[in-house]
N, C-alpha and C. Protein backbone atom coordinates (compact mmCIF):
# COMPACT_ATOMS: atom_id res chain seq x y z
N MET A 1 0.85 -1.21 0.00
CA MET A 1 0.00 0.00 0.00
C MET A 1 0.87 1.25 0.00
N ASN A 2 0.45 2.23 -0.74
CA ASN A 2 1.20 3.48 -0.84
C ASN A 2 1.39 4.10 0.54
N LYS A 3 2.60 4.60 0.81
CA LYS A 3 2.91 5.18 2.13
C LYS A 3 1.99 6.34 2.47
N LYS A 4 1.63 7.15 1.45
CA LYS A 4 0.75 8.29 1.70
C LYS A 4 -0.62 7.83 2.16
N ILE A 5 -1.11 6.71 1.60
CA ILE A 5 -2.42 6.19 2.00
C ILE A 5 -2.37 5.70 3.43
N VAL A 6 -1.28 5.01 3.79
CA VAL A 6 -1.12 4.54 5.17
C VAL A 6 -1.12 5.73 6.13
N MET A 7 -0.43 6.79 5.75
CA MET A 7 -0.36 7.99 6.58
C MET A 7 -1.74 8.59 6.77
N TRP A 8 -2.51 8.65 5.68
CA TRP A 8 -3.86 9.20 5.76
C TRP A 8 -4.76 8.35 6.64
N ALA A 9 -4.57 7.02 6.57
CA ALA A 9 -5.38 6.12 7.40
C ALA A 9 -5.17 6.43 8.87
N ALA A 10 -3.91 6.66 9.25
CA ALA A 10 -3.59 6.96 10.64
C ALA A 10 -4.20 8.30 11.07
N VAL A 11 -4.12 9.29 10.18
CA VAL A 11 -4.65 10.63 10.49
C VAL A 11 -6.15 10.59 10.70
N VAL A 12 -6.86 9.97 9.75
CA VAL A 12 -8.32 9.94 9.84
C VAL A 12 -8.78 9.08 11.00
N ALA A 13 -8.02 8.01 11.31
CA ALA A 13 -8.38 7.16 12.44
C ALA A 13 -8.36 7.94 13.74
N LEU A 14 -7.45 8.89 13.85
CA LEU A 14 -7.38 9.72 15.06
C LEU A 14 -8.65 10.53 15.23
N VAL A 15 -9.20 10.99 14.11
CA VAL A 15 -10.40 11.82 14.19
C VAL A 15 -11.58 11.01 14.69
N SER A 16 -11.65 9.74 14.27
CA SER A 16 -12.81 8.92 14.63
C SER A 16 -12.62 8.22 15.96
N GLY A 17 -11.64 8.64 16.75
CA GLY A 17 -11.37 8.04 18.05
C GLY A 17 -12.30 8.53 19.13
N PRO A 18 -11.91 8.37 20.42
CA PRO A 18 -12.78 8.66 21.55
C PRO A 18 -13.38 10.05 21.58
N ALA A 19 -12.69 11.03 21.00
CA ALA A 19 -13.21 12.39 21.11
C ALA A 19 -14.61 12.54 20.56
N PHE A 20 -14.92 11.83 19.42
CA PHE A 20 -16.24 11.95 18.83
C PHE A 20 -17.01 10.64 18.91
N ASN A 21 -16.44 9.64 19.55
CA ASN A 21 -17.09 8.34 19.63
C ASN A 21 -18.09 8.33 20.77
N LEU A 22 -19.16 9.09 20.62
CA LEU A 22 -20.16 9.25 21.67
C LEU A 22 -21.16 8.13 21.62
N ALA A 23 -21.46 7.53 22.75
CA ALA A 23 -22.47 6.47 22.80
C ALA A 23 -23.85 7.07 22.65
N ALA A 24 -24.79 6.26 22.18
CA ALA A 24 -26.14 6.75 21.91
C ALA A 24 -26.88 7.09 23.19
N GLN A 25 -27.60 8.20 23.15
CA GLN A 25 -28.47 8.59 24.25
C GLN A 25 -29.81 7.90 24.08
N GLU A 26 -30.61 7.86 25.16
CA GLU A 26 -31.93 7.29 25.05
C GLU A 26 -32.79 8.19 24.17
N GLY A 27 -33.60 7.58 23.32
CA GLY A 27 -34.47 8.37 22.46
C GLY A 27 -35.24 7.48 21.53
N PRO A 28 -36.12 8.05 20.72
CA PRO A 28 -36.94 7.26 19.82
C PRO A 28 -36.12 6.59 18.74
N GLY A 29 -36.63 5.49 18.22
CA GLY A 29 -35.92 4.79 17.15
C GLY A 29 -35.91 3.31 17.40
N ASP A 30 -35.21 2.59 16.52
CA ASP A 30 -35.11 1.15 16.61
C ASP A 30 -33.99 0.81 17.58
N ASP A 31 -34.34 0.58 18.85
CA ASP A 31 -33.30 0.36 19.84
C ASP A 31 -33.64 -0.82 20.73
N ASP A 32 -32.66 -1.26 21.51
CA ASP A 32 -32.81 -2.36 22.45
C ASP A 32 -32.43 -1.89 23.83
N ASP A 33 -33.05 -2.49 24.85
CA ASP A 33 -32.60 -2.27 26.21
C ASP A 33 -31.45 -3.22 26.50
N ILE A 34 -30.44 -2.73 27.18
CA ILE A 34 -29.39 -3.61 27.67
C ILE A 34 -29.19 -3.30 29.14
N GLU A 35 -28.57 -4.21 29.86
CA GLU A 35 -28.29 -3.99 31.27
C GLU A 35 -26.80 -3.99 31.48
N MET A 36 -26.33 -3.09 32.32
CA MET A 36 -24.90 -2.88 32.48
C MET A 36 -24.46 -3.28 33.88
N MET A 37 -23.31 -3.94 33.95
CA MET A 37 -22.79 -4.41 35.24
C MET A 37 -22.33 -3.25 36.10
N GLU A 38 -22.15 -3.53 37.38
CA GLU A 38 -21.80 -2.47 38.31
C GLU A 38 -20.40 -1.91 38.09
N ALA A 39 -19.63 -2.54 37.17
CA ALA A 39 -18.29 -2.03 36.89
C ALA A 39 -18.33 -0.61 36.36
N GLY A 40 -19.47 -0.20 35.79
CA GLY A 40 -19.57 1.20 35.38
C GLY A 40 -20.20 1.35 34.02
N PRO A 41 -20.56 2.59 33.66
CA PRO A 41 -21.19 2.88 32.38
C PRO A 41 -20.32 2.42 31.22
N GLY A 42 -20.97 1.87 30.21
CA GLY A 42 -20.23 1.49 29.02
C GLY A 42 -19.81 0.04 28.98
N GLN A 43 -19.98 -0.71 30.11
CA GLN A 43 -19.61 -2.11 30.11
C GLN A 43 -20.87 -2.94 30.17
N GLN A 44 -21.14 -3.70 29.10
CA GLN A 44 -22.38 -4.44 29.00
C GLN A 44 -22.31 -5.70 29.84
N GLY A 45 -23.36 -5.94 30.61
CA GLY A 45 -23.40 -7.11 31.46
C GLY A 45 -24.36 -8.15 30.94
N MET A 46 -24.59 -9.22 31.73
CA MET A 46 -25.51 -10.28 31.37
C MET A 46 -26.93 -9.79 31.53
N ARG A 47 -27.85 -10.31 30.71
CA ARG A 47 -29.26 -9.99 30.88
C ARG A 47 -29.80 -10.75 32.07
N GLY A 48 -30.76 -10.14 32.75
CA GLY A 48 -31.37 -10.83 33.88
C GLY A 48 -32.33 -9.93 34.58
N GLY A 49 -33.21 -10.51 35.38
CA GLY A 49 -34.22 -9.72 36.07
C GLY A 49 -33.69 -9.15 37.36
N MET A 50 -34.58 -8.48 38.08
CA MET A 50 -34.22 -7.83 39.34
C MET A 50 -33.70 -8.85 40.34
N GLY A 51 -32.53 -8.60 40.85
CA GLY A 51 -31.97 -9.48 41.87
C GLY A 51 -31.20 -10.65 41.32
N GLN A 52 -31.13 -10.80 40.01
CA GLN A 52 -30.43 -11.92 39.42
C GLN A 52 -28.98 -11.56 39.15
N GLY A 53 -28.14 -11.75 40.13
CA GLY A 53 -26.73 -11.48 39.93
C GLY A 53 -26.34 -10.09 40.38
N PRO A 54 -25.17 -9.59 39.88
CA PRO A 54 -24.63 -8.30 40.31
C PRO A 54 -25.55 -7.14 39.97
N MET A 55 -25.32 -6.03 40.62
CA MET A 55 -26.11 -4.83 40.39
C MET A 55 -26.01 -4.41 38.94
N MET A 56 -27.16 -4.05 38.36
CA MET A 56 -27.17 -3.65 36.97
C MET A 56 -27.97 -2.37 36.81
N VAL A 57 -27.68 -1.63 35.74
CA VAL A 57 -28.46 -0.44 35.41
C VAL A 57 -28.81 -0.53 33.94
N LYS A 58 -30.08 -0.20 33.62
CA LYS A 58 -30.55 -0.37 32.25
C LYS A 58 -30.31 0.90 31.44
N THR A 59 -29.87 0.70 30.21
CA THR A 59 -29.71 1.81 29.28
C THR A 59 -30.17 1.32 27.92
N LYS A 60 -29.91 2.06 26.86
CA LYS A 60 -30.37 1.66 25.53
C LYS A 60 -29.22 1.68 24.54
N ILE A 61 -29.31 0.78 23.58
CA ILE A 61 -28.39 0.83 22.45
C ILE A 61 -29.26 0.96 21.21
N MET A 62 -28.71 1.58 20.15
CA MET A 62 -29.48 1.79 18.93
C MET A 62 -28.87 0.98 17.81
N ARG A 63 -29.72 0.39 17.00
CA ARG A 63 -29.27 -0.42 15.89
C ARG A 63 -29.03 0.43 14.65
N GLY A 64 -28.11 -0.02 13.80
CA GLY A 64 -27.91 0.66 12.53
C GLY A 64 -29.05 0.32 11.58
N GLY A 65 -29.34 1.23 10.71
CA GLY A 65 -30.43 1.02 9.78
C GLY A 65 -30.01 0.16 8.61
N LYS A 66 -30.98 -0.16 7.75
CA LYS A 66 -30.73 -0.98 6.57
C LYS A 66 -29.73 -0.30 5.66
N GLY A 67 -28.72 -1.08 5.24
CA GLY A 67 -27.74 -0.54 4.31
C GLY A 67 -26.61 0.23 4.99
N MET A 68 -26.60 0.27 6.33
CA MET A 68 -25.55 1.04 7.02
C MET A 68 -24.32 0.21 7.30
N GLY A 69 -24.41 -1.13 7.08
CA GLY A 69 -23.24 -1.97 7.32
C GLY A 69 -23.02 -2.24 8.79
N GLY A 70 -24.03 -2.05 9.62
CA GLY A 70 -23.89 -2.31 11.04
C GLY A 70 -24.21 -1.07 11.84
N PRO A 71 -24.20 -1.19 13.18
CA PRO A 71 -24.52 -0.05 14.03
C PRO A 71 -23.54 1.10 13.84
N ALA A 72 -24.06 2.30 13.81
CA ALA A 72 -23.23 3.51 13.79
C ALA A 72 -22.26 3.54 12.62
N PHE A 73 -22.74 3.24 11.43
CA PHE A 73 -21.85 3.24 10.27
C PHE A 73 -22.63 3.74 9.07
N LEU A 74 -22.20 4.87 8.50
CA LEU A 74 -22.87 5.43 7.33
C LEU A 74 -22.21 4.92 6.05
N SER A 75 -23.01 4.74 5.03
CA SER A 75 -22.48 4.34 3.73
C SER A 75 -21.74 5.53 3.12
N PRO A 76 -20.91 5.28 2.08
CA PRO A 76 -20.21 6.40 1.42
C PRO A 76 -21.16 7.48 0.92
N ASP A 77 -22.31 7.07 0.35
CA ASP A 77 -23.28 8.05 -0.14
C ASP A 77 -23.86 8.88 1.01
N GLU A 78 -24.19 8.22 2.13
CA GLU A 78 -24.72 8.93 3.29
C GLU A 78 -23.67 9.87 3.87
N THR A 79 -22.41 9.41 3.85
CA THR A 79 -21.32 10.23 4.38
C THR A 79 -21.15 11.50 3.55
N MET A 80 -21.12 11.34 2.22
CA MET A 80 -20.97 12.51 1.36
C MET A 80 -22.18 13.44 1.47
N SER A 81 -23.36 12.85 1.66
CA SER A 81 -24.56 13.66 1.81
C SER A 81 -24.47 14.55 3.05
N MET A 82 -23.94 13.99 4.14
CA MET A 82 -23.80 14.76 5.37
C MET A 82 -22.74 15.86 5.20
N ILE A 83 -21.65 15.54 4.51
CA ILE A 83 -20.60 16.53 4.28
C ILE A 83 -21.13 17.68 3.42
N LYS A 84 -21.87 17.35 2.37
CA LYS A 84 -22.42 18.38 1.49
C LYS A 84 -23.41 19.27 2.24
N LYS A 85 -24.13 18.68 3.18
CA LYS A 85 -25.12 19.43 3.95
C LYS A 85 -24.46 20.45 4.86
N HIS A 86 -23.37 20.05 5.52
CA HIS A 86 -22.76 20.90 6.54
C HIS A 86 -21.51 21.66 6.07
N ASP A 87 -20.87 21.20 4.99
CA ASP A 87 -19.65 21.86 4.53
C ASP A 87 -19.47 21.63 3.02
N PRO A 88 -20.21 22.39 2.19
CA PRO A 88 -20.13 22.23 0.73
C PRO A 88 -18.71 22.41 0.18
N ALA A 89 -17.94 23.31 0.77
CA ALA A 89 -16.58 23.55 0.29
C ALA A 89 -15.71 22.31 0.47
N PHE A 90 -15.84 21.65 1.61
CA PHE A 90 -15.08 20.42 1.87
C PHE A 90 -15.56 19.31 0.94
N ALA A 91 -16.86 19.26 0.69
CA ALA A 91 -17.41 18.25 -0.22
C ALA A 91 -16.80 18.41 -1.62
N LYS A 92 -16.61 19.66 -2.04
CA LYS A 92 -16.01 19.92 -3.35
C LYS A 92 -14.57 19.42 -3.38
N LYS A 93 -13.83 19.62 -2.29
CA LYS A 93 -12.45 19.13 -2.22
C LYS A 93 -12.40 17.61 -2.34
N LEU A 94 -13.36 16.95 -1.69
CA LEU A 94 -13.39 15.48 -1.75
C LEU A 94 -13.76 14.99 -3.14
N ASP A 95 -14.63 15.72 -3.83
CA ASP A 95 -14.96 15.36 -5.21
C ASP A 95 -13.71 15.42 -6.08
N GLU A 96 -12.89 16.43 -5.85
CA GLU A 96 -11.64 16.56 -6.59
C GLU A 96 -10.67 15.45 -6.20
N LEU A 97 -10.67 15.09 -4.92
CA LEU A 97 -9.79 14.02 -4.44
C LEU A 97 -10.19 12.68 -5.05
N ARG A 98 -11.49 12.47 -5.26
CA ARG A 98 -11.97 11.22 -5.85
C ARG A 98 -11.36 10.98 -7.23
N GLU A 99 -11.14 12.06 -7.97
CA GLU A 99 -10.55 11.95 -9.29
C GLU A 99 -9.02 11.85 -9.22
N ALA A 100 -8.43 12.62 -8.32
CA ALA A 100 -6.96 12.67 -8.23
C ALA A 100 -6.35 11.49 -7.48
N ALA A 101 -7.02 11.05 -6.39
CA ALA A 101 -6.48 9.97 -5.55
C ALA A 101 -7.63 9.12 -5.01
N PRO A 102 -8.17 8.23 -5.82
CA PRO A 102 -9.34 7.42 -5.43
C PRO A 102 -9.16 6.62 -4.14
N ALA A 103 -7.96 6.06 -3.95
CA ALA A 103 -7.72 5.25 -2.74
C ALA A 103 -7.79 6.12 -1.49
N LYS A 104 -7.19 7.30 -1.56
CA LYS A 104 -7.24 8.23 -0.42
C LYS A 104 -8.68 8.67 -0.15
N TYR A 105 -9.41 8.93 -1.21
CA TYR A 105 -10.82 9.34 -1.10
C TYR A 105 -11.64 8.28 -0.38
N LYS A 106 -11.47 7.02 -0.78
CA LYS A 106 -12.22 5.93 -0.16
C LYS A 106 -11.86 5.77 1.31
N MET A 107 -10.58 5.96 1.63
CA MET A 107 -10.13 5.83 3.01
C MET A 107 -10.77 6.91 3.89
N VAL A 108 -10.78 8.15 3.40
CA VAL A 108 -11.39 9.25 4.16
C VAL A 108 -12.88 9.00 4.38
N LEU A 109 -13.58 8.56 3.34
CA LEU A 109 -15.01 8.31 3.47
C LEU A 109 -15.31 7.13 4.39
N HIS A 110 -14.48 6.12 4.33
CA HIS A 110 -14.69 4.94 5.18
C HIS A 110 -14.59 5.31 6.65
N MET A 111 -13.53 6.00 7.03
CA MET A 111 -13.34 6.37 8.42
C MET A 111 -14.36 7.43 8.85
N SER A 112 -14.70 8.34 7.94
CA SER A 112 -15.70 9.36 8.25
C SER A 112 -17.06 8.73 8.49
N GLY A 113 -17.37 7.65 7.76
CA GLY A 113 -18.65 6.98 7.91
C GLY A 113 -18.87 6.46 9.32
N LYS A 114 -17.81 5.96 9.94
CA LYS A 114 -17.91 5.48 11.33
C LYS A 114 -18.17 6.65 12.27
N MET A 115 -17.40 7.70 12.09
CA MET A 115 -17.52 8.86 12.97
C MET A 115 -18.88 9.54 12.81
N PHE A 116 -19.33 9.71 11.57
CA PHE A 116 -20.60 10.39 11.33
C PHE A 116 -21.79 9.56 11.80
N GLY A 117 -21.65 8.24 11.73
CA GLY A 117 -22.72 7.38 12.21
C GLY A 117 -22.97 7.58 13.69
N MET A 118 -21.90 7.66 14.47
CA MET A 118 -22.04 7.91 15.91
C MET A 118 -22.61 9.29 16.16
N ALA A 119 -22.20 10.26 15.35
CA ALA A 119 -22.71 11.62 15.52
C ALA A 119 -24.21 11.66 15.23
N ARG A 120 -24.64 10.97 14.18
CA ARG A 120 -26.07 10.96 13.82
C ARG A 120 -26.92 10.32 14.91
N MET A 121 -26.38 9.33 15.62
CA MET A 121 -27.12 8.66 16.68
C MET A 121 -27.49 9.60 17.83
N GLN A 122 -26.79 10.72 17.91
CA GLN A 122 -27.09 11.67 18.98
C GLN A 122 -28.36 12.47 18.69
N GLN A 123 -28.84 12.39 17.44
CA GLN A 123 -30.05 13.12 17.04
C GLN A 123 -29.92 14.61 17.35
N ASP A 124 -28.73 15.12 17.08
CA ASP A 124 -28.43 16.54 17.32
C ASP A 124 -27.63 17.04 16.12
N GLU A 125 -28.23 17.92 15.34
CA GLU A 125 -27.59 18.39 14.11
C GLU A 125 -26.29 19.14 14.38
N SER A 126 -26.19 19.79 15.54
CA SER A 126 -24.96 20.52 15.85
C SER A 126 -23.78 19.56 16.03
N ILE A 127 -24.06 18.37 16.56
CA ILE A 127 -23.00 17.37 16.72
C ILE A 127 -22.56 16.84 15.36
N GLU A 128 -23.53 16.63 14.45
CA GLU A 128 -23.19 16.23 13.09
C GLU A 128 -22.28 17.28 12.44
N LYS A 129 -22.66 18.54 12.60
CA LYS A 129 -21.90 19.63 11.99
C LYS A 129 -20.48 19.68 12.55
N ASP A 130 -20.33 19.48 13.85
CA ASP A 130 -19.00 19.47 14.47
C ASP A 130 -18.16 18.31 13.96
N ALA A 131 -18.80 17.15 13.76
CA ALA A 131 -18.07 15.98 13.27
C ALA A 131 -17.54 16.23 11.86
N VAL A 132 -18.38 16.82 11.01
CA VAL A 132 -17.95 17.14 9.65
C VAL A 132 -16.81 18.16 9.67
N ARG A 133 -16.95 19.17 10.53
CA ARG A 133 -15.92 20.20 10.62
C ARG A 133 -14.60 19.60 11.10
N ALA A 134 -14.66 18.67 12.02
CA ALA A 134 -13.44 18.04 12.54
C ALA A 134 -12.71 17.27 11.44
N ILE A 135 -13.46 16.52 10.64
CA ILE A 135 -12.85 15.80 9.52
C ILE A 135 -12.23 16.78 8.52
N ALA A 136 -12.96 17.85 8.23
CA ALA A 136 -12.46 18.85 7.28
C ALA A 136 -11.17 19.49 7.79
N LEU A 137 -11.12 19.77 9.08
CA LEU A 137 -9.91 20.39 9.66
C LEU A 137 -8.73 19.43 9.64
N GLU A 138 -8.97 18.15 9.94
CA GLU A 138 -7.89 17.17 9.89
C GLU A 138 -7.35 17.06 8.45
N PHE A 139 -8.26 17.06 7.50
CA PHE A 139 -7.87 17.02 6.09
C PHE A 139 -7.02 18.24 5.74
N GLU A 140 -7.49 19.40 6.16
CA GLU A 140 -6.79 20.65 5.88
C GLU A 140 -5.40 20.67 6.53
N CYS A 141 -5.33 20.23 7.78
CA CYS A 141 -4.04 20.23 8.48
C CYS A 141 -3.03 19.30 7.81
N LYS A 142 -3.52 18.14 7.38
CA LYS A 142 -2.61 17.20 6.71
C LYS A 142 -2.11 17.77 5.40
N GLU A 143 -2.99 18.40 4.64
CA GLU A 143 -2.59 18.99 3.36
C GLU A 143 -1.58 20.13 3.59
N LEU A 144 -1.82 20.92 4.62
CA LEU A 144 -0.90 22.01 4.93
C LEU A 144 0.47 21.49 5.34
N SER A 145 0.48 20.40 6.10
CA SER A 145 1.76 19.84 6.55
C SER A 145 2.57 19.31 5.37
N LEU A 146 1.89 18.71 4.39
CA LEU A 146 2.58 18.24 3.19
C LEU A 146 3.10 19.41 2.36
N LYS A 147 2.31 20.48 2.32
CA LYS A 147 2.70 21.68 1.58
C LYS A 147 3.88 22.37 2.27
N TYR A 148 3.91 22.32 3.59
CA TYR A 148 4.97 22.96 4.37
C TYR A 148 6.35 22.39 4.02
N ASP A 149 6.39 21.07 3.83
CA ASP A 149 7.67 20.41 3.55
C ASP A 149 8.32 20.92 2.25
N LYS A 150 7.48 21.33 1.29
CA LYS A 150 8.00 21.75 -0.01
C LYS A 150 8.06 23.27 -0.18
N ALA A 151 7.63 24.01 0.84
CA ALA A 151 7.53 25.47 0.73
C ALA A 151 8.86 26.16 0.98
N SER A 152 8.96 27.39 0.48
CA SER A 152 10.13 28.22 0.76
C SER A 152 10.00 28.77 2.17
N ASP A 153 11.05 29.36 2.70
CA ASP A 153 11.03 29.87 4.07
C ASP A 153 9.92 30.91 4.30
N PRO A 154 9.74 31.88 3.40
CA PRO A 154 8.66 32.86 3.60
C PRO A 154 7.27 32.19 3.60
N GLU A 155 7.09 31.21 2.71
CA GLU A 155 5.80 30.52 2.63
C GLU A 155 5.56 29.66 3.87
N LYS A 156 6.63 29.08 4.40
CA LYS A 156 6.50 28.22 5.58
C LYS A 156 5.91 28.99 6.77
N LYS A 157 6.27 30.24 6.88
CA LYS A 157 5.77 31.05 7.98
C LYS A 157 4.25 31.20 7.90
N LYS A 158 3.73 31.45 6.68
CA LYS A 158 2.29 31.61 6.48
C LYS A 158 1.56 30.28 6.71
N ILE A 159 2.15 29.21 6.19
CA ILE A 159 1.53 27.89 6.35
C ILE A 159 1.47 27.49 7.81
N LYS A 160 2.55 27.79 8.53
CA LYS A 160 2.60 27.44 9.95
C LYS A 160 1.52 28.18 10.73
N GLU A 161 1.28 29.42 10.39
CA GLU A 161 0.25 30.20 11.08
C GLU A 161 -1.14 29.64 10.77
N SER A 162 -1.36 29.24 9.52
CA SER A 162 -2.64 28.64 9.14
C SER A 162 -2.86 27.33 9.89
N LEU A 163 -1.78 26.56 10.02
CA LEU A 163 -1.85 25.31 10.77
C LEU A 163 -2.22 25.57 12.23
N ARG A 164 -1.62 26.58 12.81
CA ARG A 164 -1.88 26.92 14.22
C ARG A 164 -3.36 27.25 14.44
N VAL A 165 -3.92 28.04 13.53
CA VAL A 165 -5.34 28.43 13.63
C VAL A 165 -6.25 27.21 13.51
N SER A 166 -5.97 26.36 12.52
CA SER A 166 -6.80 25.17 12.31
C SER A 166 -6.70 24.20 13.48
N LEU A 167 -5.49 24.02 13.99
CA LEU A 167 -5.30 23.11 15.11
C LEU A 167 -6.01 23.61 16.37
N ALA A 168 -6.02 24.93 16.56
CA ALA A 168 -6.71 25.50 17.72
C ALA A 168 -8.21 25.24 17.64
N GLU A 169 -8.77 25.39 16.43
CA GLU A 169 -10.20 25.12 16.25
C GLU A 169 -10.51 23.64 16.45
N LEU A 170 -9.63 22.79 15.94
CA LEU A 170 -9.82 21.35 16.08
C LEU A 170 -9.76 20.94 17.56
N PHE A 171 -8.84 21.56 18.29
CA PHE A 171 -8.74 21.30 19.73
C PHE A 171 -10.05 21.63 20.43
N ASP A 172 -10.63 22.79 20.09
CA ASP A 172 -11.88 23.21 20.72
C ASP A 172 -13.02 22.23 20.40
N LEU A 173 -13.07 21.74 19.17
CA LEU A 173 -14.11 20.79 18.79
C LEU A 173 -13.98 19.48 19.57
N LYS A 174 -12.75 19.00 19.69
CA LYS A 174 -12.53 17.74 20.41
C LYS A 174 -12.81 17.92 21.90
N SER A 175 -12.46 19.08 22.45
CA SER A 175 -12.75 19.35 23.86
C SER A 175 -14.26 19.39 24.10
N LYS A 176 -14.98 19.98 23.16
CA LYS A 176 -16.43 20.05 23.26
C LYS A 176 -17.04 18.64 23.26
N ALA A 177 -16.54 17.79 22.36
CA ALA A 177 -17.04 16.42 22.28
C ALA A 177 -16.73 15.65 23.56
N GLN A 178 -15.53 15.84 24.10
CA GLN A 178 -15.16 15.17 25.34
C GLN A 178 -16.03 15.64 26.50
N GLY A 179 -16.41 16.93 26.47
CA GLY A 179 -17.30 17.45 27.50
C GLY A 179 -18.66 16.77 27.44
N LEU A 180 -19.15 16.51 26.22
CA LEU A 180 -20.42 15.80 26.07
C LEU A 180 -20.33 14.38 26.61
N ARG A 181 -19.20 13.74 26.40
CA ARG A 181 -18.99 12.39 26.94
C ARG A 181 -19.00 12.40 28.45
N VAL A 182 -18.37 13.41 29.04
CA VAL A 182 -18.34 13.52 30.50
C VAL A 182 -19.75 13.67 31.05
N LYS A 183 -20.56 14.52 30.40
CA LYS A 183 -21.94 14.71 30.85
C LYS A 183 -22.73 13.42 30.77
N ARG A 184 -22.52 12.67 29.68
CA ARG A 184 -23.22 11.40 29.54
C ARG A 184 -22.83 10.43 30.64
N MET A 185 -21.53 10.36 30.94
CA MET A 185 -21.06 9.45 31.98
C MET A 185 -21.57 9.88 33.36
N GLU A 186 -21.65 11.19 33.58
CA GLU A 186 -22.20 11.68 34.84
C GLU A 186 -23.66 11.29 34.98
N SER A 187 -24.40 11.35 33.86
CA SER A 187 -25.80 10.96 33.88
C SER A 187 -25.94 9.47 34.17
N ASP A 188 -25.07 8.67 33.54
CA ASP A 188 -25.08 7.22 33.79
C ASP A 188 -24.77 6.92 35.25
N MET A 189 -23.81 7.66 35.80
CA MET A 189 -23.43 7.45 37.20
C MET A 189 -24.57 7.80 38.14
N ALA A 190 -25.31 8.87 37.82
CA ALA A 190 -26.44 9.26 38.65
C ALA A 190 -27.50 8.17 38.65
N ARG A 191 -27.77 7.58 37.49
CA ARG A 191 -28.74 6.48 37.41
C ARG A 191 -28.25 5.26 38.17
N LEU A 192 -26.95 5.01 38.09
CA LEU A 192 -26.37 3.87 38.78
C LEU A 192 -26.51 4.02 40.29
N LYS A 193 -26.26 5.24 40.79
CA LYS A 193 -26.40 5.49 42.23
C LYS A 193 -27.85 5.33 42.68
N LYS A 194 -28.78 5.81 41.84
CA LYS A 194 -30.21 5.67 42.16
C LYS A 194 -30.60 4.20 42.22
N LYS A 195 -30.06 3.40 41.30
CA LYS A 195 -30.33 1.96 41.27
C LYS A 195 -29.79 1.30 42.53
N LEU A 196 -28.61 1.74 42.95
CA LEU A 196 -28.01 1.17 44.15
C LEU A 196 -28.88 1.44 45.38
N GLU A 197 -29.35 2.67 45.51
CA GLU A 197 -30.19 3.02 46.65
C GLU A 197 -31.49 2.22 46.64
N SER A 198 -32.04 2.01 45.45
CA SER A 198 -33.27 1.22 45.33
C SER A 198 -33.04 -0.22 45.75
N ARG A 199 -31.90 -0.77 45.36
CA ARG A 199 -31.58 -2.15 45.74
C ARG A 199 -31.41 -2.28 47.25
N LYS A 200 -30.75 -1.32 47.83
CA LYS A 200 -30.55 -1.37 49.29
C LYS A 200 -31.89 -1.32 50.02
N ALA A 201 -32.80 -0.47 49.50
CA ALA A 201 -34.11 -0.32 50.15
C ALA A 201 -34.95 -1.59 50.00
N ASN A 202 -34.67 -2.38 48.95
CA ASN A 202 -35.45 -3.60 48.70
C ASN A 202 -34.64 -4.86 48.93
N LYS A 203 -33.66 -4.78 49.83
CA LYS A 203 -32.76 -5.90 50.07
C LYS A 203 -33.50 -7.19 50.41
N SER A 204 -34.42 -7.13 51.36
CA SER A 204 -35.12 -8.33 51.81
C SER A 204 -35.88 -8.99 50.66
N LYS A 205 -36.58 -8.18 49.88
CA LYS A 205 -37.37 -8.71 48.77
C LYS A 205 -36.48 -9.36 47.72
N ILE A 206 -35.35 -8.71 47.42
CA ILE A 206 -34.43 -9.23 46.41
C ILE A 206 -33.80 -10.55 46.87
N VAL A 207 -33.41 -10.60 48.14
CA VAL A 207 -32.81 -11.82 48.69
C VAL A 207 -33.81 -12.96 48.65
N GLU A 208 -35.07 -12.70 49.00
CA GLU A 208 -36.09 -13.75 49.00
C GLU A 208 -36.36 -14.24 47.58
N GLN A 209 -36.41 -13.31 46.61
CA GLN A 209 -36.62 -13.71 45.22
C GLN A 209 -35.50 -14.62 44.74
N ARG A 210 -34.27 -14.24 45.05
CA ARG A 210 -33.12 -15.04 44.62
C ARG A 210 -33.11 -16.39 45.32
N LEU A 211 -33.49 -16.40 46.59
CA LEU A 211 -33.54 -17.65 47.36
C LEU A 211 -34.53 -18.61 46.73
N GLU A 212 -35.70 -18.09 46.33
CA GLU A 212 -36.73 -18.93 45.71
C GLU A 212 -36.26 -19.48 44.37
N GLN A 213 -35.49 -18.71 43.64
CA GLN A 213 -34.95 -19.16 42.36
C GLN A 213 -33.97 -20.31 42.56
N LEU A 214 -33.08 -20.15 43.53
CA LEU A 214 -32.03 -21.13 43.77
C LEU A 214 -32.57 -22.43 44.37
N THR A 215 -33.65 -22.34 45.14
CA THR A 215 -34.20 -23.54 45.78
C THR A 215 -35.33 -24.17 44.97
N GLY A 216 -35.80 -23.43 43.93
CA GLY A 216 -36.87 -23.97 43.10
C GLY A 216 -38.22 -23.92 43.77
N GLU A 217 -38.34 -23.12 44.84
CA GLU A 217 -39.59 -23.07 45.57
C GLU A 217 -40.50 -21.93 45.13
N GLY A 218 -40.04 -21.15 44.16
CA GLY A 218 -40.87 -20.03 43.69
C GLY A 218 -41.96 -20.51 42.76
N TYR A 219 -42.93 -19.65 42.52
CA TYR A 219 -44.04 -19.99 41.63
C TYR A 219 -43.65 -19.74 40.18
N GLY A 220 -43.97 -20.71 39.33
CA GLY A 220 -43.75 -20.55 37.90
C GLY A 220 -45.03 -20.08 37.22
N TRP A 221 -44.95 -19.80 35.91
CA TRP A 221 -46.13 -19.35 35.17
C TRP A 221 -47.07 -20.54 34.97
């Protein structure tokens, strides 16, 4: 594989990492309930009813739609549609890239599809817009860095300043996304604490239910 393509894969992979990899919030749609072990938010546990095993807290996961290739994954057409919606100028650059470097184009769209799928699951257009802007900035920064290597000393100064501005904006976007993740985890923790208090208050009932299960003395349907 061409070294430049490998380099681009690493760059775009960074964009689709934890900063924008937000888990789905509860909301309407084709989703499933899952139960999470007491180890903490984000770790899926065994299914089971009240009192069956370790403390659990219920949350939701959302399924990917038809043609998405799995949960939280947009097709190339869906990815380009989102880019055109939020950043027409970047979409034009990618159209040009498709002709000049097809392999690089496919790599950018593939990694963007994962990132945009997670953004769409938030059902918040501002998050979609931030995700598109982040990809565009990473693309711009990489292009500027390649241009910097071949530039004259006077040009390098201008390119370096442009890079600084773009990187500062990208930092703010990633910090914003991380802040959203923190809020989500805090919400999960609040629910987990509430579940714990409820279990403590119903200790006797839970113990008796589990006892009946283990001894086979409970009533069946």
